[in-house]
Amino acid sequence: MSALSTLVGTAKRARRRVPGKQLTAVAQEAMPAKPDKGVRINGPYPEKGKWRIYLIDDSGRKAFLYASRDEAEQMKAKLTAKAQLLVERTVGECIDAHLDYSLRVRGALRSTADSVRFHLNTLLPRDVPVAALTTDRAAQLYADFSQRRHHRTGKPLSVATHHYVLLLAKGWGRWLVKTGATTANPFAAVEPVGKPKAGKPQLTRDEAQRLSQLAVECAASGDIHAVGVLLMLHMGLRQGEVGARIARDVDHDGQVLIIPFGKTASARRRLKVPQWLQPFLRRLLADKSSSDLLFPSECQRVHHRQFWWNKVQQLCDVAAVPRVCPHSLRGLHATLAIEEGASGEAVARALGHTSFDMTAKHYAQADSVENARVDRASQRLAPPPAQPPGDRIPQLLAQLTPEERQALRELL
């Protein structure tokens, strides 16, 4: 996509607004795209009583015919101004404008907007004119990004990571088209590379019990953040949902935990707290106002996500179980709930998912889901259990006539 194609779209839309006018296009020359040199608008030139202007850059040429010289001059001035704007408006400015729109209009969280800005800045060159971002260049940027290494760990980026960044870039490209900054999404045709892993490694039931027992002991000794780990493991909360909880979210004397907002509309929910966990939540409310965080950092702010990773892995080391991440505890909760007979819809609602498909794909282990389905099918097809002799007495008594029941009472 070049600046020429953007201006052509502008000219076409303007001409469509004038009844009875048609465009006569000149064959476009096939040349390598070098939009950095800008667009030239030549003319107007007289032609058989009408006036023609040409839009030219290194990717080709387009011509438009107008009925009068004044009309052609007005369009030339409009296209010249827009061409200058396209050359001057950079990718970085468009990223910032997109995120400002997300905050003001879409109601995005500031933390979400900052995260999107970080990822787009790692993929896209901020100082390049947005008109220079062709489809080929977008594909090359993604290909190079998918080969990078993580800035902290030095390991290659996971497939899920660069797929996610490409998804953000596609959304940004759609916004460019919507606002008229471009006529086509430069990332629309870019295909994701590789197959992401579904789900995360999970602890076994015995390992989870050891981790839970240790977290309970730590919570009983005053470690408030161990309570947060218990909420992830036993209630399936996201680490962000744990960190953002305030005192007001603990309702009904610790029996209910309210999640008033989240990633999606389905994330808003009221969760029943296990009875043994309720005293730990009530203890967190001591000396807190309704707006105070349950798990504040030292500066009384929400903990960074890395804090909860470190906390979970610290407990894993002490409990002598494999290291897992907070999201893995959420998946383990789904797996164990399904194995204990909870319906898929109930588990999905508890996790804040729209449907069980998401839960089954990324959280609950596939074997657990399949075993639960087999168990339900087997229970439906199994013969009715044999009744013990004592259970048949009411049925036999119901078959007696009133005279026979009276005779039986006299015998007893």
Protein backbone atom coordinates (compact mmCIF):
# COMPACT_ATOMS: atom_id res chain seq x y z
CA MET A 1 0.00 0.00 0.00
CA SER A 2 1.50 3.34 -1.08
CA ALA A 3 0.66 6.99 -0.61
CA LEU A 4 -0.52 6.98 -4.21
CA SER A 5 -3.18 4.36 -3.53
CA THR A 6 -4.36 6.35 -0.53
CA LEU A 7 -4.75 9.52 -2.57
CA VAL A 8 -6.43 7.63 -5.40
CA GLY A 9 -9.04 6.50 -2.91
CA THR A 10 -9.57 10.11 -1.84
CA ALA A 11 -10.02 11.27 -5.42
CA LYS A 12 -12.44 8.45 -6.23
CA ARG A 13 -14.58 9.12 -3.19
CA ALA A 14 -14.74 12.81 -4.06
CA ARG A 15 -15.79 12.12 -7.65
CA ARG A 16 -18.48 9.64 -6.57
CA ARG A 17 -20.17 12.47 -4.71
CA VAL A 18 -20.70 14.39 -8.01
CA PRO A 19 -23.64 12.95 -10.02
CA GLY A 20 -22.94 12.07 -13.64
CA LYS A 21 -19.13 12.13 -13.28
CA GLN A 22 -17.03 9.09 -14.17
CA LEU A 23 -13.33 8.40 -13.78
CA THR A 24 -11.04 7.52 -16.65
CA ALA A 25 -8.00 5.66 -15.29
CA VAL A 26 -4.64 5.48 -17.02
CA ALA A 27 -2.92 2.09 -16.99
CA GLN A 28 -0.78 1.84 -13.87
CA GLU A 29 2.88 1.16 -14.43
CA ALA A 30 4.32 -1.82 -12.53
CA MET A 31 7.28 -0.42 -10.62
CA PRO A 32 8.91 -1.24 -7.24
CA ALA A 33 7.20 0.69 -4.47
CA LYS A 34 9.33 3.52 -3.09
CA PRO A 35 6.75 5.72 -1.42
CA ASP A 36 9.36 7.47 0.69
CA LYS A 37 9.98 9.82 -2.30
CA GLY A 38 6.45 11.11 -2.02
CA VAL A 39 3.63 11.67 -4.48
CA ARG A 40 3.60 14.20 -7.32
CA ILE A 41 0.33 15.74 -8.49
CA ASN A 42 0.78 17.08 -12.02
CA GLY A 43 -1.62 19.13 -14.11
CA PRO A 44 -4.23 20.14 -14.82
CA TYR A 45 -3.83 19.51 -18.55
CA PRO A 46 -6.51 20.30 -21.15
CA GLU A 47 -7.97 17.32 -22.96
CA LYS A 48 -10.94 17.53 -25.36
CA GLY A 49 -12.67 20.30 -23.45
CA LYS A 50 -11.92 18.81 -20.02
CA TRP A 51 -8.99 18.89 -17.61
CA ARG A 52 -6.82 16.01 -16.41
CA ILE A 53 -4.56 15.69 -13.34
CA TYR A 54 -2.03 12.91 -12.67
CA LEU A 55 -1.04 11.29 -9.36
CA ILE A 56 2.44 9.83 -9.71
CA ASP A 57 4.89 8.05 -7.42
CA ASP A 58 7.41 5.27 -7.93
CA SER A 59 4.71 2.62 -7.69
CA GLY A 60 2.71 3.89 -10.67
CA ARG A 61 0.49 6.59 -12.08
CA LYS A 62 -3.21 7.39 -11.94
CA ALA A 63 -5.19 9.97 -13.92
CA PHE A 64 -8.49 11.76 -13.22
CA LEU A 65 -10.58 13.87 -15.62
CA TYR A 66 -12.64 16.88 -14.54
CA ALA A 67 -15.20 19.01 -16.34
CA SER A 68 -13.59 22.37 -15.55
CA ARG A 69 -10.19 23.74 -14.70
CA ASP A 70 -11.44 25.15 -11.39
CA GLU A 71 -12.69 21.70 -10.34
CA ALA A 72 -9.36 20.13 -11.29
CA GLU A 73 -7.39 22.81 -9.41
CA GLN A 74 -9.50 22.32 -6.27
CA MET A 75 -8.91 18.58 -6.30
CA LYS A 76 -5.19 19.09 -6.92
CA ALA A 77 -4.94 21.37 -3.89
CA LYS A 78 -6.84 18.88 -1.73
CA LEU A 79 -4.69 15.93 -2.81
CA THR A 80 -1.48 17.94 -2.39
CA ALA A 81 -2.42 18.79 1.21
CA LYS A 82 -3.29 15.19 1.99
CA ALA A 83 -0.10 13.91 0.36
CA GLN A 84 1.92 16.22 2.58
CA LEU A 85 0.02 15.00 5.65
CA LEU A 86 0.66 11.36 4.73
CA VAL A 87 4.36 11.96 4.29
CA GLU A 88 4.63 13.82 7.58
CA ARG A 89 2.42 11.55 9.74
CA THR A 90 4.59 8.84 11.23
CA VAL A 91 3.81 5.33 12.39
CA GLY A 92 4.49 6.39 15.98
CA GLU A 93 1.97 9.23 15.76
CA CYS A 94 -0.65 6.83 14.40
CA ILE A 95 0.03 4.34 17.20
CA ASP A 96 -0.43 7.05 19.82
CA ALA A 97 -3.61 8.32 18.14
CA HIS A 98 -5.02 4.78 17.99
CA LEU A 99 -4.43 4.21 21.69
CA ASP A 100 -5.84 7.61 22.59
CA TYR A 101 -8.99 6.58 20.69
CA SER A 102 -9.08 3.28 22.60
CA LEU A 103 -8.91 5.12 25.93
CA ARG A 104 -11.43 7.87 25.14
CA VAL A 105 -13.96 6.02 22.99
CA ARG A 106 -13.57 2.32 23.66
CA GLY A 107 -12.99 2.68 27.41
CA ALA A 108 -9.77 0.64 27.44
CA LEU A 109 -7.77 0.46 30.66
CA ARG A 110 -4.63 2.57 30.84
CA SER A 111 -2.55 -0.52 31.62
CA THR A 112 -3.97 -2.26 28.54
CA ALA A 113 -3.18 0.72 26.30
CA ASP A 114 0.38 0.91 27.66
CA SER A 115 0.86 -2.80 26.99
CA VAL A 116 -0.43 -2.47 23.41
CA ARG A 117 1.84 0.53 22.82
CA PHE A 118 4.86 -1.42 24.06
CA HIS A 119 4.17 -4.36 21.75
CA LEU A 120 3.45 -2.24 18.68
CA ASN A 121 6.59 -0.19 19.30
CA THR A 122 8.67 -3.38 19.35
CA LEU A 123 7.22 -4.45 15.99
CA LEU A 124 6.92 -1.16 14.07
CA PRO A 125 9.43 1.61 13.28
CA ARG A 126 7.91 4.73 14.86
CA ASP A 127 9.76 7.30 12.73
CA VAL A 128 8.73 5.89 9.34
CA PRO A 129 5.89 7.67 7.49
CA VAL A 130 2.73 5.62 7.71
CA ALA A 131 2.39 5.89 3.92
CA ALA A 132 5.62 3.90 3.59
CA LEU A 133 4.17 0.88 5.42
CA THR A 134 3.37 -1.34 2.45
CA THR A 135 2.00 -4.88 2.65
CA ASP A 136 5.41 -6.32 1.75
CA ARG A 137 7.13 -4.24 4.38
CA ALA A 138 4.56 -5.25 7.01
CA ALA A 139 5.16 -8.92 6.21
CA GLN A 140 8.91 -8.44 6.51
CA LEU A 141 8.57 -6.62 9.84
CA TYR A 142 6.56 -9.53 11.24
CA ALA A 143 8.97 -12.12 9.85
CA ASP A 144 11.90 -10.33 11.49
CA PHE A 145 9.99 -9.92 14.75
CA SER A 146 9.13 -13.63 14.94
CA GLN A 147 12.88 -14.41 14.92
CA ARG A 148 13.76 -12.10 17.79
CA ARG A 149 14.78 -13.12 21.28
CA HIS A 150 13.09 -12.03 24.46
CA HIS A 151 14.64 -8.85 25.84
CA ARG A 152 14.90 -10.29 29.38
CA THR A 153 15.42 -14.03 29.02
CA GLY A 154 17.35 -14.08 25.75
CA LYS A 155 15.22 -17.01 24.56
CA PRO A 156 13.40 -16.98 21.21
CA LEU A 157 9.96 -15.41 21.36
CA SER A 158 7.18 -17.93 21.83
CA VAL A 159 4.80 -18.51 18.96
CA ALA A 160 1.92 -17.27 21.11
CA THR A 161 3.78 -13.99 21.73
CA HIS A 162 4.43 -13.02 18.11
CA HIS A 163 0.94 -14.24 17.13
CA TYR A 164 -0.49 -11.87 19.74
CA VAL A 165 1.60 -8.94 18.51
CA LEU A 166 0.50 -9.62 14.93
CA LEU A 167 -3.12 -9.61 16.13
CA LEU A 168 -2.55 -6.17 17.68
CA ALA A 169 -0.98 -4.92 14.44
CA LYS A 170 -3.96 -6.14 12.40
CA GLY A 171 -6.31 -4.28 14.73
CA TRP A 172 -4.20 -1.14 14.41
CA GLY A 173 -4.29 -1.48 10.62
CA ARG A 174 -8.08 -1.74 10.63
CA TRP A 175 -8.22 1.46 12.66
CA LEU A 176 -5.99 3.20 10.06
CA VAL A 177 -8.49 2.28 7.34
CA LYS A 178 -11.44 3.34 9.46
CA THR A 179 -9.97 6.79 10.10
CA GLY A 180 -8.90 7.29 6.48
CA ALA A 181 -5.17 7.29 7.18
CA THR A 182 -4.80 4.47 4.64
CA THR A 183 -7.03 2.70 2.14
CA ALA A 184 -5.91 -0.82 3.01
CA ASN A 185 -4.73 -2.63 6.14
CA PRO A 186 -1.01 -3.38 5.58
CA PHE A 187 -1.16 -6.38 7.93
CA ALA A 188 -4.42 -7.84 6.59
CA ALA A 189 -2.67 -10.45 4.39
CA VAL A 190 0.17 -11.28 6.80
CA GLU A 191 -0.10 -14.89 7.97
CA PRO A 192 1.01 -15.94 11.48
CA VAL A 193 4.03 -18.24 11.60
CA GLY A 194 4.13 -21.48 13.62
CA LYS A 195 1.65 -23.22 15.87
CA PRO A 196 1.25 -21.94 19.45
CA LYS A 197 1.13 -24.27 22.39
CA ALA A 198 -2.31 -24.69 23.93
CA GLY A 199 -2.39 -24.63 27.72
CA LYS A 200 0.46 -24.67 30.23
CA PRO A 201 2.11 -27.49 32.22
CA GLN A 202 0.05 -28.34 35.28
CA LEU A 203 0.78 -29.89 38.65
CA THR A 204 -0.58 -33.30 39.50
CA ARG A 205 -3.27 -33.60 42.14
CA ASP A 206 -0.75 -34.70 44.81
CA GLU A 207 1.63 -31.86 43.90
CA ALA A 208 -1.22 -29.37 44.03
CA GLN A 209 -2.17 -30.60 47.49
CA ARG A 210 1.38 -30.07 48.74
CA LEU A 211 1.46 -26.58 47.27
CA SER A 212 -1.96 -25.77 48.75
CA GLN A 213 -0.97 -27.04 52.19
CA LEU A 214 2.18 -24.90 52.16
CA ALA A 215 0.25 -21.81 51.04
CA VAL A 216 -2.29 -22.35 53.85
CA GLU A 217 0.52 -22.59 56.41
CA CYS A 218 2.10 -19.40 55.06
CA ALA A 219 -1.25 -17.59 55.06
CA ALA A 220 -1.90 -18.68 58.66
CA SER A 221 1.47 -17.22 59.67
CA GLY A 222 0.59 -13.81 58.18
CA ASP A 223 1.74 -14.06 54.55
CA ILE A 224 -1.10 -12.18 52.82
CA HIS A 225 0.22 -12.92 49.33
CA ALA A 226 -0.06 -16.65 50.01
CA VAL A 227 -3.81 -15.99 50.26
CA GLY A 228 -3.65 -14.60 46.72
CA VAL A 229 -2.04 -17.82 45.50
CA LEU A 230 -4.82 -19.80 47.21
CA LEU A 231 -7.41 -17.72 45.34
CA MET A 232 -5.75 -18.62 42.04
CA LEU A 233 -5.57 -22.30 42.88
CA HIS A 234 -8.93 -22.83 44.55
CA MET A 235 -11.10 -20.26 42.76
CA GLY A 236 -9.42 -20.04 39.35
CA LEU A 237 -8.72 -16.30 39.47
CA ARG A 238 -6.34 -14.57 37.08
CA GLN A 239 -3.31 -12.98 38.71
CA GLY A 240 -4.60 -9.58 37.59
CA GLU A 241 -7.98 -10.31 39.18
CA VAL A 242 -6.26 -11.16 42.45
CA GLY A 243 -4.02 -8.08 42.43
CA ALA A 244 -6.86 -5.65 41.63
CA ARG A 245 -9.19 -6.75 44.43
CA ILE A 246 -10.17 -4.14 47.00
CA ALA A 247 -11.85 -4.54 50.39
CA ARG A 248 -15.28 -3.71 48.94
CA ASP A 249 -15.08 -6.80 46.70
CA VAL A 250 -15.27 -9.12 49.72
CA ASP A 251 -18.98 -9.46 50.37
CA HIS A 252 -21.33 -11.28 52.75
CA ASP A 253 -18.76 -11.64 55.54
CA GLY A 254 -16.19 -13.27 53.25
CA GLN A 255 -18.59 -15.75 51.68
CA VAL A 256 -18.61 -14.04 48.27
CA LEU A 257 -15.84 -12.47 46.21
CA ILE A 258 -16.94 -9.95 43.57
CA ILE A 259 -15.03 -9.51 40.30
CA PRO A 260 -16.60 -6.26 38.98
CA PHE A 261 -14.53 -5.96 35.79
CA GLY A 262 -12.05 -7.90 33.70
CA LYS A 263 -10.80 -8.75 30.21
CA THR A 264 -14.31 -9.36 28.87
CA ALA A 265 -17.91 -8.88 29.93
CA SER A 266 -17.94 -12.51 31.07
CA ALA A 267 -15.16 -11.72 33.56
CA ARG A 268 -17.66 -9.85 35.76
CA ARG A 269 -18.93 -12.38 38.27
CA ARG A 270 -19.71 -13.18 41.93
CA LEU A 271 -17.85 -16.21 43.23
CA LYS A 272 -18.66 -18.29 46.29
CA VAL A 273 -15.63 -18.56 48.56
CA PRO A 274 -14.84 -22.00 50.05
CA GLN A 275 -15.75 -21.99 53.73
CA TRP A 276 -12.23 -22.79 54.95
CA LEU A 277 -10.86 -19.86 52.90
CA GLN A 278 -13.30 -17.28 54.25
CA PRO A 279 -11.40 -16.54 57.52
CA PHE A 280 -8.27 -15.63 55.52
CA LEU A 281 -10.25 -13.11 53.46
CA ARG A 282 -11.88 -11.60 56.55
CA ARG A 283 -8.44 -11.20 58.12
CA LEU A 284 -7.31 -9.18 55.07
CA LEU A 285 -10.09 -6.64 55.73
CA ALA A 286 -8.66 -5.54 59.08
CA ASP A 287 -7.93 -1.79 59.18
CA LYS A 288 -8.82 -1.34 55.48
CA SER A 289 -11.26 1.11 53.95
CA SER A 290 -13.58 -0.06 51.19
CA SER A 291 -11.24 1.19 48.42
CA ASP A 292 -7.98 -0.25 49.82
CA LEU A 293 -6.25 -3.05 47.91
CA LEU A 294 -6.30 -6.48 49.53
CA PHE A 295 -2.78 -7.22 48.25
CA PRO A 296 -0.97 -3.86 48.00
CA SER A 297 2.66 -3.40 47.05
CA GLU A 298 5.01 -1.44 49.28
CA CYS A 299 3.94 1.78 47.51
CA GLN A 300 0.25 0.86 47.94
CA ARG A 301 -0.24 0.07 44.25
CA VAL A 302 -1.19 -3.05 42.30
CA HIS A 303 1.70 -5.50 42.09
CA HIS A 304 3.40 -5.97 38.74
CA ARG A 305 2.53 -9.28 37.10
CA GLN A 306 6.09 -10.55 37.63
CA PHE A 307 5.55 -10.36 41.38
CA TRP A 308 2.93 -13.10 41.29
CA TRP A 309 5.11 -15.25 39.03
CA ASN A 310 7.91 -15.00 41.56
CA LYS A 311 5.55 -15.70 44.48
CA VAL A 312 4.06 -18.84 42.93
CA GLN A 313 7.45 -20.20 41.92
CA GLN A 314 8.87 -19.46 45.38
CA LEU A 315 6.12 -21.55 46.94
CA CYS A 316 6.68 -24.29 44.35
CA ASP A 317 10.36 -24.48 45.32
CA VAL A 318 9.59 -24.75 49.03
CA ALA A 319 6.86 -27.35 48.41
CA ALA A 320 9.31 -29.34 46.22
CA VAL A 321 6.98 -29.39 43.20
CA PRO A 322 7.73 -28.37 39.60
CA ARG A 323 7.70 -24.63 38.94
CA VAL A 324 4.51 -23.38 37.32
CA CYS A 325 3.10 -19.94 36.54
CA PRO A 326 -0.04 -18.32 38.03
CA HIS A 327 -2.04 -19.07 34.89
CA SER A 328 -1.19 -22.75 35.28
CA LEU A 329 -2.95 -22.75 38.68
CA ARG A 330 -6.04 -21.39 36.96
CA GLY A 331 -5.88 -24.24 34.47
CA LEU A 332 -5.38 -26.77 37.24
CA HIS A 333 -8.50 -25.46 38.96
CA ALA A 334 -10.48 -26.09 35.76
CA THR A 335 -9.02 -29.60 35.38
CA LEU A 336 -9.80 -30.65 38.96
CA ALA A 337 -13.30 -29.12 38.86
CA ILE A 338 -14.17 -31.12 35.75
CA GLU A 339 -12.69 -34.31 37.21
CA GLU A 340 -14.90 -33.81 40.29
CA GLY A 341 -18.00 -33.69 38.12
CA ALA A 342 -18.61 -29.97 37.58
CA SER A 343 -20.27 -29.18 34.26
CA GLY A 344 -18.23 -27.48 31.56
CA GLU A 345 -20.57 -24.48 31.55
CA ALA A 346 -20.22 -24.03 35.32
CA VAL A 347 -16.41 -24.16 35.09
CA ALA A 348 -16.40 -21.67 32.20
CA ARG A 349 -18.58 -19.23 34.18
CA ALA A 350 -16.34 -19.56 37.24
CA LEU A 351 -13.28 -18.72 35.14
CA GLY A 352 -15.03 -15.81 33.42
CA HIS A 353 -15.16 -17.39 29.95
CA THR A 354 -17.91 -16.86 27.41
CA SER A 355 -18.05 -20.55 26.50
CA PHE A 356 -16.55 -23.86 27.55
CA ASP A 357 -14.64 -24.08 24.25
CA MET A 358 -12.06 -21.58 25.55
CA THR A 359 -11.78 -23.46 28.85
CA ALA A 360 -11.32 -26.83 27.14
CA LYS A 361 -8.75 -25.52 24.64
CA HIS A 362 -6.45 -23.50 26.89
CA TYR A 363 -7.11 -24.47 30.52
CA ALA A 364 -8.54 -27.88 31.37
CA GLN A 365 -6.42 -30.84 30.34
CA ALA A 366 -7.82 -32.64 27.32
CA ASP A 367 -7.80 -36.04 29.07
CA SER A 368 -9.86 -34.69 31.94
CA VAL A 369 -12.45 -33.21 29.59
CA GLU A 370 -12.69 -36.43 27.59
CA ASN A 371 -12.81 -38.64 30.71
CA ALA A 372 -15.62 -36.53 32.12
CA ARG A 373 -17.60 -36.95 28.91
CA VAL A 374 -17.02 -40.73 28.92
CA ASP A 375 -18.14 -40.95 32.56
CA ARG A 376 -21.35 -39.06 31.82
CA ALA A 377 -22.10 -41.25 28.81
CA SER A 378 -21.39 -44.40 30.81
CA GLN A 379 -23.69 -43.27 33.63
CA ARG A 380 -26.53 -42.72 31.17
CA LEU A 381 -26.15 -46.16 29.59
CA ALA A 382 -25.45 -48.14 32.76
CA PRO A 383 -28.21 -50.40 34.11
CA PRO A 384 -30.02 -49.17 37.22
CA PRO A 385 -28.24 -50.31 40.41
CA ALA A 386 -29.68 -53.27 42.27
CA GLN A 387 -31.72 -52.12 45.26
CA PRO A 388 -30.85 -53.53 48.69
CA PRO A 389 -33.62 -55.63 50.28
CA GLY A 390 -34.47 -52.87 52.74
CA ASP A 391 -35.22 -50.44 49.92
CA ARG A 392 -37.92 -52.77 48.51
CA ILE A 393 -40.09 -52.80 51.66
CA PRO A 394 -42.00 -49.56 50.82
CA GLN A 395 -42.73 -50.92 47.34
CA LEU A 396 -44.05 -54.22 48.74
CA LEU A 397 -46.21 -52.42 51.35
CA ALA A 398 -47.70 -50.26 48.62
CA GLN A 399 -48.88 -53.40 46.81
CA LEU A 400 -50.91 -54.69 49.83
CA THR A 401 -54.64 -54.14 50.18
CA PRO A 402 -55.92 -52.25 53.25
CA GLU A 403 -57.07 -55.56 54.80
CA GLU A 404 -53.62 -57.15 54.28
CA ARG A 405 -51.86 -54.13 55.82
CA GLN A 406 -54.20 -54.28 58.84
CA ALA A 407 -53.50 -58.01 59.29
CA LEU A 408 -49.75 -57.29 59.08
CA ARG A 409 -50.00 -54.64 61.81
CA GLU A 410 -51.77 -57.12 64.12
CA LEU A 411 -49.03 -59.68 63.56
CA LEU A 412 -46.30 -57.09 64.36
